[in-house]
Amino acid sequence: MIKTFEEIYEAVQNLGKKKTISVATADDVSVLEAVKVADEKGVAKFLLVGNQEKIKKIASQVGYDVEDEDIIPAYTDEEIASKSVELVRDGKAEILMKGHISTPILMKAVLNKETGLRMGNVLSHVAVVEVSTYHKLILLSDGGINITPDFETKIAILNNMVFVANRLGIVKPNIAALCPIEKVNPIIQETVDAVKLQEMSEKGEFGDIVLEGPIAMDVALSANAAERKGINSRIAGKTDAFLVPNITSGNAVIKVLMFLANAKVGGLVIGAKVPIILLSRSDKPEEKLNSIALSILVSN
């Protein structure tokens, strides 16, 4: 089981074959800094889509020697999004990465029924977090795509998260269906959904996992908290993954860990034909690099 991003990097470097990543709007310093490091580490190849002159200028600024053949000229956001997706659809790249382009424009190209990358599945964002105060990686979903998922969407989000967990070598992930309390309250919809998900899990409908819900964050993270609250939990202090009730809570948890706990974070959108690296334009090169490594591991 992989427990750190350093172990993710080691696993990727041991794969042997490089993956090619299509980068939508690559004319950005933090994007090209991450691309440069990934290229130097030998973990991936890149096709940089966007304004050729701007890409070359910024690449020179960060000391990245990019070949002309690796730049795909495109100038409007819509053209860049379309060409970036086309590279993947045509088999010239195995992973799609969001550069300095707005998420709605890129996702519109991804979701295009005729030319996009949809497979009929629900797309969801899976964040992977390493924080020094926890003994292993934490997965969290969905803090990036689905705003207020209904029950069926939560099932899809859960399945996508289990897929990523398995790719990280977590054979039987412990999953918390996150709620503010541990009892079902009809006016708190996530508690109603959580107990249904636990029942389905116990019937084996999600494969080999242990899911508990409703469960609050303190119990999921601490066996001592579970004991003090008189809760008999199989996953307390051993949780691998959190299914959050909505995008706001997921986004907030990730950013609190990043800004107040110096957490290392990587994230992917799962459910399309290939993994999609979908980060904020404000993310540092390290977060982008973490996501690049994660995407390569997940895509194998």
C-alpha atoms as a PDB file:
ATOM      1  CA  MET A   1       0.000   0.000   0.000  1.00  0.00           C
ATOM      2  CA  ILE A   2       1.336   3.405  -1.010  1.00  0.00           C
ATOM      3  CA  LYS A   3       1.372   5.809   1.941  1.00  0.00           C
ATOM      4  CA  THR A   4       3.182   8.931   0.668  1.00  0.00           C
ATOM      5  CA  PHE A   5       3.636  10.951  -2.495  1.00  0.00           C
ATOM      6  CA  GLU A   6       7.298   9.982  -2.470  1.00  0.00           C
ATOM      7  CA  GLU A   7       6.183   6.367  -2.819  1.00  0.00           C
ATOM      8  CA  ILE A   8       3.894   7.417  -5.688  1.00  0.00           C
ATOM      9  CA  TYR A   9       6.885   8.958  -7.467  1.00  0.00           C
ATOM     10  CA  GLU A  10       8.944   5.801  -6.909  1.00  0.00           C
ATOM     11  CA  ALA A  11       6.155   3.596  -8.258  1.00  0.00           C
ATOM     12  CA  VAL A  12       5.771   5.779 -11.354  1.00  0.00           C
ATOM     13  CA  GLN A  13       9.513   5.809 -12.065  1.00  0.00           C
ATOM     14  CA  ASN A  14       9.534   2.021 -11.867  1.00  0.00           C
ATOM     15  CA  LEU A  15       6.804   1.640 -14.507  1.00  0.00           C
ATOM     16  CA  GLY A  16       9.286   1.848 -17.370  1.00  0.00           C
ATOM     17  CA  LYS A  17       7.050   3.307 -20.077  1.00  0.00           C
ATOM     18  CA  LYS A  18       6.403   7.048 -20.138  1.00  0.00           C
ATOM     19  CA  LYS A  19       2.865   8.351 -20.497  1.00  0.00           C
ATOM     20  CA  THR A  20       2.077  11.335 -22.703  1.00  0.00           C
ATOM     21  CA  ILE A  21       0.059  14.165 -21.170  1.00  0.00           C
ATOM     22  CA  SER A  22      -1.913  16.723 -23.180  1.00  0.00           C
ATOM     23  CA  VAL A  23      -1.733  20.107 -21.423  1.00  0.00           C
ATOM     24  CA  ALA A  24      -4.495  22.602 -22.201  1.00  0.00           C
ATOM     25  CA  THR A  25      -3.105  26.173 -22.176  1.00  0.00           C
ATOM     26  CA  ALA A  26       0.476  25.478 -21.147  1.00  0.00           C
ATOM     27  CA  ASP A  27       1.636  29.120 -21.198  1.00  0.00           C
ATOM     28  CA  ASP A  28       1.827  29.445 -17.423  1.00  0.00           C
ATOM     29  CA  VAL A  29       4.863  29.548 -15.124  1.00  0.00           C
ATOM     30  CA  SER A  30       3.630  27.106 -12.478  1.00  0.00           C
ATOM     31  CA  VAL A  31       2.353  24.682 -15.134  1.00  0.00           C
ATOM     32  CA  LEU A  32       5.649  24.626 -17.011  1.00  0.00           C
ATOM     33  CA  GLU A  33       7.670  24.398 -13.806  1.00  0.00           C
ATOM     34  CA  ALA A  34       5.766  21.222 -12.916  1.00  0.00           C
ATOM     35  CA  VAL A  35       6.049  19.890 -16.475  1.00  0.00           C
ATOM     36  CA  LYS A  36       9.809  20.578 -16.459  1.00  0.00           C
ATOM     37  CA  VAL A  37      10.361  18.620 -13.238  1.00  0.00           C
ATOM     38  CA  ALA A  38       8.188  15.712 -14.401  1.00  0.00           C
ATOM     39  CA  ASP A  39      10.046  15.626 -17.723  1.00  0.00           C
ATOM     40  CA  GLU A  40      13.437  15.721 -15.985  1.00  0.00           C
ATOM     41  CA  LYS A  41      12.374  12.918 -13.654  1.00  0.00           C
ATOM     42  CA  GLY A  42      11.539  10.899 -16.758  1.00  0.00           C
ATOM     43  CA  VAL A  43       8.023  10.074 -15.634  1.00  0.00           C
ATOM     44  CA  ALA A  44       6.071  11.596 -18.544  1.00  0.00           C
ATOM     45  CA  LYS A  45       6.144  13.272 -21.935  1.00  0.00           C
ATOM     46  CA  PHE A  46       4.079  16.349 -22.696  1.00  0.00           C
ATOM     47  CA  LEU A  47       2.206  17.900 -25.593  1.00  0.00           C
ATOM     48  CA  LEU A  48       1.780  21.588 -24.802  1.00  0.00           C
ATOM     49  CA  VAL A  49      -1.316  23.167 -26.336  1.00  0.00           C
ATOM     50  CA  GLY A  50      -1.633  26.934 -26.623  1.00  0.00           C
ATOM     51  CA  ASN A  51       0.073  30.066 -27.884  1.00  0.00           C
ATOM     52  CA  GLN A  52       3.416  28.851 -29.250  1.00  0.00           C
ATOM     53  CA  GLU A  53       5.317  32.090 -28.638  1.00  0.00           C
ATOM     54  CA  LYS A  54       4.072  32.442 -25.060  1.00  0.00           C
ATOM     55  CA  ILE A  55       4.867  28.802 -24.266  1.00  0.00           C
ATOM     56  CA  LYS A  56       8.413  29.155 -25.614  1.00  0.00           C
ATOM     57  CA  LYS A  57       8.968  32.410 -23.718  1.00  0.00           C
ATOM     58  CA  ILE A  58       7.804  31.036 -20.373  1.00  0.00           C
ATOM     59  CA  ALA A  59       9.615  27.730 -20.934  1.00  0.00           C
ATOM     60  CA  SER A  60      12.818  29.720 -21.416  1.00  0.00           C
ATOM     61  CA  GLN A  61      12.146  31.635 -18.191  1.00  0.00           C
ATOM     62  CA  VAL A  62      11.872  28.420 -16.171  1.00  0.00           C
ATOM     63  CA  GLY A  63      14.802  26.746 -17.935  1.00  0.00           C
ATOM     64  CA  TYR A  64      12.759  24.172 -19.805  1.00  0.00           C
ATOM     65  CA  ASP A  65      14.092  23.196 -23.242  1.00  0.00           C
ATOM     66  CA  VAL A  66      10.911  22.330 -25.128  1.00  0.00           C
ATOM     67  CA  GLU A  67      10.952  20.965 -28.672  1.00  0.00           C
ATOM     68  CA  ASP A  68       8.825  22.649 -31.357  1.00  0.00           C
ATOM     69  CA  GLU A  69       7.180  19.324 -32.149  1.00  0.00           C
ATOM     70  CA  ASP A  70       5.861  19.142 -28.600  1.00  0.00           C
ATOM     71  CA  ILE A  71       3.933  22.419 -28.920  1.00  0.00           C
ATOM     72  CA  ILE A  72       0.480  22.269 -30.509  1.00  0.00           C
ATOM     73  CA  PRO A  73      -0.481  25.785 -31.634  1.00  0.00           C
ATOM     74  CA  ALA A  74      -3.956  27.001 -30.636  1.00  0.00           C
ATOM     75  CA  TYR A  75      -5.109  30.460 -29.632  1.00  0.00           C
ATOM     76  CA  THR A  76      -8.661  30.754 -28.329  1.00  0.00           C
ATOM     77  CA  ASP A  77      -9.722  28.896 -25.184  1.00  0.00           C
ATOM     78  CA  GLU A  78     -12.274  26.880 -27.129  1.00  0.00           C
ATOM     79  CA  GLU A  79      -9.707  25.856 -29.748  1.00  0.00           C
ATOM     80  CA  ILE A  80      -7.177  24.931 -27.073  1.00  0.00           C
ATOM     81  CA  ALA A  81      -9.731  22.811 -25.189  1.00  0.00           C
ATOM     82  CA  SER A  82     -10.835  21.061 -28.375  1.00  0.00           C
ATOM     83  CA  LYS A  83      -7.292  20.291 -29.546  1.00  0.00           C
ATOM     84  CA  SER A  84      -6.187  19.102 -26.094  1.00  0.00           C
ATOM     85  CA  VAL A  85      -9.087  16.649 -25.953  1.00  0.00           C
ATOM     86  CA  GLU A  86      -8.532  15.622 -29.575  1.00  0.00           C
ATOM     87  CA  LEU A  87      -4.941  14.581 -28.788  1.00  0.00           C
ATOM     88  CA  VAL A  88      -6.262  12.154 -26.194  1.00  0.00           C
ATOM     89  CA  ARG A  89      -9.136  10.905 -28.320  1.00  0.00           C
ATOM     90  CA  ASP A  90      -6.745  10.212 -31.211  1.00  0.00           C
ATOM     91  CA  GLY A  91      -4.399   8.215 -28.988  1.00  0.00           C
ATOM     92  CA  LYS A  92      -1.554  10.737 -29.055  1.00  0.00           C
ATOM     93  CA  ALA A  93      -1.841  11.297 -25.298  1.00  0.00           C
ATOM     94  CA  GLU A  94      -3.070   9.112 -22.437  1.00  0.00           C
ATOM     95  CA  ILE A  95      -3.828  11.828 -19.866  1.00  0.00           C
ATOM     96  CA  LEU A  96      -5.442  15.282 -20.056  1.00  0.00           C
ATOM     97  CA  MET A  97      -4.172  18.154 -17.908  1.00  0.00           C
ATOM     98  CA  LYS A  98      -5.794  21.516 -17.258  1.00  0.00           C
ATOM     99  CA  GLY A  99      -3.296  24.337 -17.606  1.00  0.00           C
ATOM    100  CA  HIS A 100      -4.141  28.058 -17.482  1.00  0.00           C
ATOM    101  CA  ILE A 101      -7.650  27.561 -18.852  1.00  0.00           C
ATOM    102  CA  SER A 102     -11.034  27.852 -17.166  1.00  0.00           C
ATOM    103  CA  THR A 103     -12.531  24.598 -15.947  1.00  0.00           C
ATOM    104  CA  PRO A 104     -15.972  25.080 -17.613  1.00  0.00           C
ATOM    105  CA  ILE A 105     -14.424  25.541 -21.069  1.00  0.00           C
ATOM    106  CA  LEU A 106     -12.191  22.486 -20.760  1.00  0.00           C
ATOM    107  CA  MET A 107     -14.960  20.320 -19.308  1.00  0.00           C
ATOM    108  CA  LYS A 108     -17.341  21.368 -22.083  1.00  0.00           C
ATOM    109  CA  ALA A 109     -14.877  19.876 -24.559  1.00  0.00           C
ATOM    110  CA  VAL A 110     -14.474  16.757 -22.417  1.00  0.00           C
ATOM    111  CA  LEU A 111     -18.239  16.255 -22.161  1.00  0.00           C
ATOM    112  CA  ASN A 112     -18.994  16.842 -25.853  1.00  0.00           C
ATOM    113  CA  LYS A 113     -21.087  13.833 -26.915  1.00  0.00           C
ATOM    114  CA  GLU A 114     -19.491  13.555 -30.343  1.00  0.00           C
ATOM    115  CA  THR A 115     -15.876  14.609 -29.827  1.00  0.00           C
ATOM    116  CA  GLY A 116     -15.292  14.387 -26.077  1.00  0.00           C
ATOM    117  CA  LEU A 117     -14.042  11.778 -23.630  1.00  0.00           C
ATOM    118  CA  ARG A 118     -17.201  10.655 -21.845  1.00  0.00           C
ATOM    119  CA  MET A 119     -17.952   6.986 -21.332  1.00  0.00           C
ATOM    120  CA  GLY A 120     -21.424   7.432 -19.880  1.00  0.00           C
ATOM    121  CA  ASN A 121     -20.076   7.448 -16.329  1.00  0.00           C
ATOM    122  CA  VAL A 122     -20.399  10.173 -13.711  1.00  0.00           C
ATOM    123  CA  LEU A 123     -17.240  12.263 -13.590  1.00  0.00           C
ATOM    124  CA  SER A 124     -15.967  13.105 -10.123  1.00  0.00           C
ATOM    125  CA  HIS A 125     -12.906  14.667  -8.529  1.00  0.00           C
ATOM    126  CA  VAL A 126     -10.763  12.549  -6.213  1.00  0.00           C
ATOM    127  CA  ALA A 127      -8.231  14.359  -4.036  1.00  0.00           C
ATOM    128  CA  VAL A 128      -5.299  12.504  -2.503  1.00  0.00           C
ATOM    129  CA  VAL A 129      -3.802  14.139   0.574  1.00  0.00           C
ATOM    130  CA  GLU A 130      -0.649  13.515   2.595  1.00  0.00           C
ATOM    131  CA  VAL A 131      -0.546  15.269   5.965  1.00  0.00           C
ATOM    132  CA  SER A 132       2.217  14.790   8.545  1.00  0.00           C
ATOM    133  CA  THR A 133      -0.211  14.151  11.407  1.00  0.00           C
ATOM    134  CA  TYR A 134      -1.832  11.108   9.751  1.00  0.00           C
ATOM    135  CA  HIS A 135      -0.177   7.764   9.121  1.00  0.00           C
ATOM    136  CA  LYS A 136      -1.241   7.240   5.517  1.00  0.00           C
ATOM    137  CA  LEU A 137      -2.710   8.955   2.484  1.00  0.00           C
ATOM    138  CA  ILE A 138      -6.273  10.260   2.651  1.00  0.00           C
ATOM    139  CA  LEU A 139      -8.653  10.194  -0.318  1.00  0.00           C
ATOM    140  CA  LEU A 140     -11.543  12.637  -0.479  1.00  0.00           C
ATOM    141  CA  SER A 141     -14.376  13.056  -2.988  1.00  0.00           C
ATOM    142  CA  ASP A 142     -16.061  15.016  -4.396  1.00  0.00           C
ATOM    143  CA  GLY A 143     -14.674  18.479  -3.765  1.00  0.00           C
ATOM    144  CA  GLY A 144     -14.401  19.610  -7.355  1.00  0.00           C
ATOM    145  CA  ILE A 145     -17.141  18.534  -9.793  1.00  0.00           C
ATOM    146  CA  ASN A 146     -20.517  17.477  -8.362  1.00  0.00           C
ATOM    147  CA  ILE A 147     -22.122  20.292  -6.378  1.00  0.00           C
ATOM    148  CA  THR A 148     -24.890  18.565  -4.391  1.00  0.00           C
ATOM    149  CA  PRO A 149     -24.867  14.935  -5.520  1.00  0.00           C
ATOM    150  CA  ASP A 150     -28.022  12.878  -5.210  1.00  0.00           C
ATOM    151  CA  PHE A 151     -27.898   9.288  -3.978  1.00  0.00           C
ATOM    152  CA  GLU A 152     -27.186   7.691  -7.361  1.00  0.00           C
ATOM    153  CA  THR A 153     -24.410  10.197  -8.029  1.00  0.00           C
ATOM    154  CA  LYS A 154     -22.880   9.409  -4.633  1.00  0.00           C
ATOM    155  CA  ILE A 155     -22.735   5.752  -5.651  1.00  0.00           C
ATOM    156  CA  ALA A 156     -20.776   6.713  -8.769  1.00  0.00           C
ATOM    157  CA  ILE A 157     -18.480   9.027  -6.782  1.00  0.00           C
ATOM    158  CA  LEU A 158     -17.845   6.192  -4.334  1.00  0.00           C
ATOM    159  CA  ASN A 159     -16.996   3.735  -7.114  1.00  0.00           C
ATOM    160  CA  ASN A 160     -14.569   6.229  -8.681  1.00  0.00           C
ATOM    161  CA  MET A 161     -12.878   6.746  -5.319  1.00  0.00           C
ATOM    162  CA  VAL A 162     -12.556   2.993  -4.733  1.00  0.00           C
ATOM    163  CA  PHE A 163     -10.922   2.694  -8.159  1.00  0.00           C
ATOM    164  CA  VAL A 164      -8.254   5.243  -7.203  1.00  0.00           C
ATOM    165  CA  ALA A 165      -7.742   3.612  -3.803  1.00  0.00           C
ATOM    166  CA  ASN A 166      -7.149   0.246  -5.439  1.00  0.00           C
ATOM    167  CA  ARG A 167      -4.599   1.831  -7.813  1.00  0.00           C
ATOM    168  CA  LEU A 168      -2.751   3.070  -4.730  1.00  0.00           C
ATOM    169  CA  GLY A 169      -2.536  -0.497  -3.474  1.00  0.00           C
ATOM    170  CA  ILE A 170      -5.306  -0.096  -0.893  1.00  0.00           C
ATOM    171  CA  VAL A 171      -6.854  -3.523  -1.343  1.00  0.00           C
ATOM    172  CA  LYS A 172      -9.735  -3.098   1.105  1.00  0.00           C
ATOM    173  CA  PRO A 173     -10.261   0.631   1.693  1.00  0.00           C
ATOM    174  CA  ASN A 174     -11.918   1.917   4.845  1.00  0.00           C
ATOM    175  CA  ILE A 175     -14.389   4.589   3.758  1.00  0.00           C
ATOM    176  CA  ALA A 176     -16.263   7.140   5.845  1.00  0.00           C
ATOM    177  CA  ALA A 177     -19.569   8.516   4.538  1.00  0.00           C
ATOM    178  CA  LEU A 178     -18.996  11.859   6.200  1.00  0.00           C
ATOM    179  CA  CYS A 179     -21.780  13.471   8.235  1.00  0.00           C
ATOM    180  CA  PRO A 180     -21.977  15.856  11.203  1.00  0.00           C
ATOM    181  CA  ILE A 181     -23.411  13.125  13.470  1.00  0.00           C
ATOM    182  CA  GLU A 182     -23.454   9.334  13.764  1.00  0.00           C
ATOM    183  CA  LYS A 183     -27.222   8.895  13.867  1.00  0.00           C
ATOM    184  CA  VAL A 184     -29.759   9.098  11.071  1.00  0.00           C
ATOM    185  CA  ASN A 185     -31.678  12.359  11.082  1.00  0.00           C
ATOM    186  CA  PRO A 186     -34.335  12.654   8.356  1.00  0.00           C
ATOM    187  CA  ILE A 187     -33.716  16.386   7.931  1.00  0.00           C
ATOM    188  CA  ILE A 188     -29.988  15.825   7.312  1.00  0.00           C
ATOM    189  CA  GLN A 189     -30.041  14.080   3.939  1.00  0.00           C
ATOM    190  CA  GLU A 190     -26.426  12.888   4.071  1.00  0.00           C
ATOM    191  CA  THR A 191     -27.192  10.773   7.144  1.00  0.00           C
ATOM    192  CA  VAL A 192     -30.055   9.071   5.302  1.00  0.00           C
ATOM    193  CA  ASP A 193     -27.844   8.419   2.273  1.00  0.00           C
ATOM    194  CA  ALA A 194     -24.946   7.238   4.431  1.00  0.00           C
ATOM    195  CA  VAL A 195     -26.834   4.463   6.146  1.00  0.00           C
ATOM    196  CA  LYS A 196     -28.139   3.231   2.782  1.00  0.00           C
ATOM    197  CA  LEU A 197     -24.590   3.178   1.422  1.00  0.00           C
ATOM    198  CA  GLN A 198     -23.399   1.216   4.438  1.00  0.00           C
ATOM    199  CA  GLU A 199     -26.165  -1.345   3.910  1.00  0.00           C
ATOM    200  CA  MET A 200     -25.205  -1.702   0.234  1.00  0.00           C
ATOM    201  CA  SER A 201     -21.551  -2.028   1.201  1.00  0.00           C
ATOM    202  CA  GLU A 202     -22.305  -4.815   3.638  1.00  0.00           C
ATOM    203  CA  LYS A 203     -23.994  -6.688   0.790  1.00  0.00           C
ATOM    204  CA  GLY A 204     -20.798  -6.411  -1.256  1.00  0.00           C
ATOM    205  CA  GLU A 205     -22.226  -4.033  -3.853  1.00  0.00           C
ATOM    206  CA  PHE A 206     -19.069  -1.892  -3.925  1.00  0.00           C
ATOM    207  CA  GLY A 207     -16.568  -4.714  -3.886  1.00  0.00           C
ATOM    208  CA  ASP A 208     -14.120  -5.350  -1.062  1.00  0.00           C
ATOM    209  CA  ILE A 209     -14.469  -2.239   1.097  1.00  0.00           C
ATOM    210  CA  VAL A 210     -15.517  -1.307   4.619  1.00  0.00           C
ATOM    211  CA  LEU A 211     -17.872   1.666   4.598  1.00  0.00           C
ATOM    212  CA  GLU A 212     -19.373   3.299   7.663  1.00  0.00           C
ATOM    213  CA  GLY A 213     -21.981   5.989   7.821  1.00  0.00           C
ATOM    214  CA  PRO A 214     -23.226   8.215   9.105  1.00  0.00           C
ATOM    215  CA  ILE A 215     -19.880   9.052  10.737  1.00  0.00           C
ATOM    216  CA  ALA A 216     -18.383  12.367  11.840  1.00  0.00           C
ATOM    217  CA  MET A 217     -14.847  13.463  11.030  1.00  0.00           C
ATOM    218  CA  ASP A 218     -13.497  13.113  14.571  1.00  0.00           C
ATOM    219  CA  VAL A 219     -14.606   9.480  14.838  1.00  0.00           C
ATOM    220  CA  ALA A 220     -13.304   8.606  11.376  1.00  0.00           C
ATOM    221  CA  LEU A 221      -9.858   9.988  12.252  1.00  0.00           C
ATOM    222  CA  SER A 222      -9.522   8.911  15.876  1.00  0.00           C
ATOM    223  CA  ALA A 223     -10.176   5.667  17.720  1.00  0.00           C
ATOM    224  CA  ASN A 224     -10.002   7.661  20.965  1.00  0.00           C
ATOM    225  CA  ALA A 225     -12.789   9.940  19.774  1.00  0.00           C
ATOM    226  CA  ALA A 226     -14.922   6.912  18.904  1.00  0.00           C
ATOM    227  CA  GLU A 227     -14.303   5.433  22.348  1.00  0.00           C
ATOM    228  CA  ARG A 228     -15.165   8.671  24.144  1.00  0.00           C
ATOM    229  CA  LYS A 229     -18.407   8.933  22.167  1.00  0.00           C
ATOM    230  CA  GLY A 230     -19.268   5.301  22.825  1.00  0.00           C
ATOM    231  CA  ILE A 231     -19.205   4.373  19.143  1.00  0.00           C
ATOM    232  CA  ASN A 232     -18.126   0.931  17.998  1.00  0.00           C
ATOM    233  CA  SER A 233     -16.360   1.630  14.710  1.00  0.00           C
ATOM    234  CA  ARG A 234     -14.323  -0.661  12.471  1.00  0.00           C
ATOM    235  CA  ILE A 235     -12.593   2.222  10.703  1.00  0.00           C
ATOM    236  CA  ALA A 236     -11.993   4.842  13.423  1.00  0.00           C
ATOM    237  CA  GLY A 237      -8.384   5.995  13.189  1.00  0.00           C
ATOM    238  CA  LYS A 238      -7.867   3.821  10.106  1.00  0.00           C
ATOM    239  CA  THR A 239      -9.975   5.628   7.494  1.00  0.00           C
ATOM    240  CA  ASP A 240      -8.539   5.705   3.980  1.00  0.00           C
ATOM    241  CA  ALA A 241     -11.207   7.699   2.170  1.00  0.00           C
ATOM    242  CA  PHE A 242     -13.958  10.217   2.813  1.00  0.00           C
ATOM    243  CA  LEU A 243     -17.160  10.513   0.816  1.00  0.00           C
ATOM    244  CA  VAL A 244     -18.243  14.114   1.450  1.00  0.00           C
ATOM    245  CA  PRO A 245     -21.875  15.263   1.172  1.00  0.00           C
ATOM    246  CA  ASN A 246     -21.266  18.206  -1.164  1.00  0.00           C
ATOM    247  CA  ILE A 247     -18.653  20.158  -3.073  1.00  0.00           C
ATOM    248  CA  THR A 248     -18.389  22.927  -0.471  1.00  0.00           C
ATOM    249  CA  SER A 249     -17.429  20.623   2.387  1.00  0.00           C
ATOM    250  CA  GLY A 250     -14.984  18.674   0.236  1.00  0.00           C
ATOM    251  CA  ASN A 251     -13.322  21.794  -1.141  1.00  0.00           C
ATOM    252  CA  ALA A 252     -13.080  23.318   2.339  1.00  0.00           C
ATOM    253  CA  VAL A 253     -11.482  20.252   3.942  1.00  0.00           C
ATOM    254  CA  ILE A 254      -8.824  20.040   1.229  1.00  0.00           C
ATOM    255  CA  LYS A 255      -7.944  23.735   1.431  1.00  0.00           C
ATOM    256  CA  VAL A 256      -7.822  23.789   5.226  1.00  0.00           C
ATOM    257  CA  LEU A 257      -5.344  20.911   5.132  1.00  0.00           C
ATOM    258  CA  MET A 258      -3.278  22.657   2.436  1.00  0.00           C
ATOM    259  CA  PHE A 259      -3.121  26.085   4.024  1.00  0.00           C
ATOM    260  CA  LEU A 260      -3.093  25.268   7.747  1.00  0.00           C
ATOM    261  CA  ALA A 261      -1.461  21.823   7.873  1.00  0.00           C
ATOM    262  CA  ASN A 262       0.975  22.119   4.930  1.00  0.00           C
ATOM    263  CA  ALA A 263      -0.574  19.048   3.382  1.00  0.00           C
ATOM    264  CA  LYS A 264       0.685  17.652   0.096  1.00  0.00           C
ATOM    265  CA  VAL A 265      -2.191  17.326  -2.342  1.00  0.00           C
ATOM    266  CA  GLY A 266      -2.861  15.872  -5.766  1.00  0.00           C
ATOM    267  CA  GLY A 267      -6.151  15.498  -7.555  1.00  0.00           C
ATOM    268  CA  LEU A 268      -7.789  13.885 -10.559  1.00  0.00           C
ATOM    269  CA  VAL A 269     -11.124  13.742 -12.317  1.00  0.00           C
ATOM    270  CA  ILE A 270     -12.139  10.108 -12.786  1.00  0.00           C
ATOM    271  CA  GLY A 271     -14.897   8.638 -14.947  1.00  0.00           C
ATOM    272  CA  ALA A 272     -13.828   9.773 -18.417  1.00  0.00           C
ATOM    273  CA  LYS A 273     -11.813   7.683 -20.882  1.00  0.00           C
ATOM    274  CA  VAL A 274      -8.605   8.922 -19.234  1.00  0.00           C
ATOM    275  CA  PRO A 275      -7.668  10.599 -15.948  1.00  0.00           C
ATOM    276  CA  ILE A 276      -7.980  14.383 -16.051  1.00  0.00           C
ATOM    277  CA  ILE A 277      -5.651  16.573 -13.987  1.00  0.00           C
ATOM    278  CA  LEU A 278      -7.945  19.388 -12.912  1.00  0.00           C
ATOM    279  CA  LEU A 279      -6.349  21.885 -10.554  1.00  0.00           C
ATOM    280  CA  SER A 280      -6.904  25.480  -9.566  1.00  0.00           C
ATOM    281  CA  ARG A 281      -4.889  28.024 -11.508  1.00  0.00           C
ATOM    282  CA  SER A 282      -3.595  29.232  -8.113  1.00  0.00           C
ATOM    283  CA  ASP A 283      -2.119  25.843  -7.205  1.00  0.00           C
ATOM    284  CA  LYS A 284       1.639  25.698  -6.773  1.00  0.00           C
ATOM    285  CA  PRO A 285       3.890  23.626  -9.063  1.00  0.00           C
ATOM    286  CA  GLU A 286       4.188  20.981  -6.326  1.00  0.00           C
ATOM    287  CA  GLU A 287       0.440  20.283  -6.387  1.00  0.00           C
ATOM    288  CA  LYS A 288       0.530  20.041 -10.166  1.00  0.00           C
ATOM    289  CA  LEU A 289       3.513  17.678 -10.014  1.00  0.00           C
ATOM    290  CA  ASN A 290       1.777  15.514  -7.410  1.00  0.00           C
ATOM    291  CA  SER A 291      -1.262  15.259  -9.664  1.00  0.00           C
ATOM    292  CA  ILE A 292       0.874  14.386 -12.684  1.00  0.00           C
ATOM    293  CA  ALA A 293       2.475  11.495 -10.801  1.00  0.00           C
ATOM    294  CA  LEU A 294      -0.905  10.366  -9.465  1.00  0.00           C
ATOM    295  CA  SER A 295      -2.468  10.438 -12.923  1.00  0.00           C
ATOM    296  CA  ILE A 296       0.290   8.238 -14.349  1.00  0.00           C
ATOM    297  CA  LEU A 297      -0.122   5.686 -11.584  1.00  0.00           C
ATOM    298  CA  VAL A 298      -3.918   5.642 -11.937  1.00  0.00           C
ATOM    299  CA  SER A 299      -3.820   5.361 -15.727  1.00  0.00           C
ATOM    300  CA  ASN A 300      -1.799   2.124 -15.683  1.00  0.00           C
END
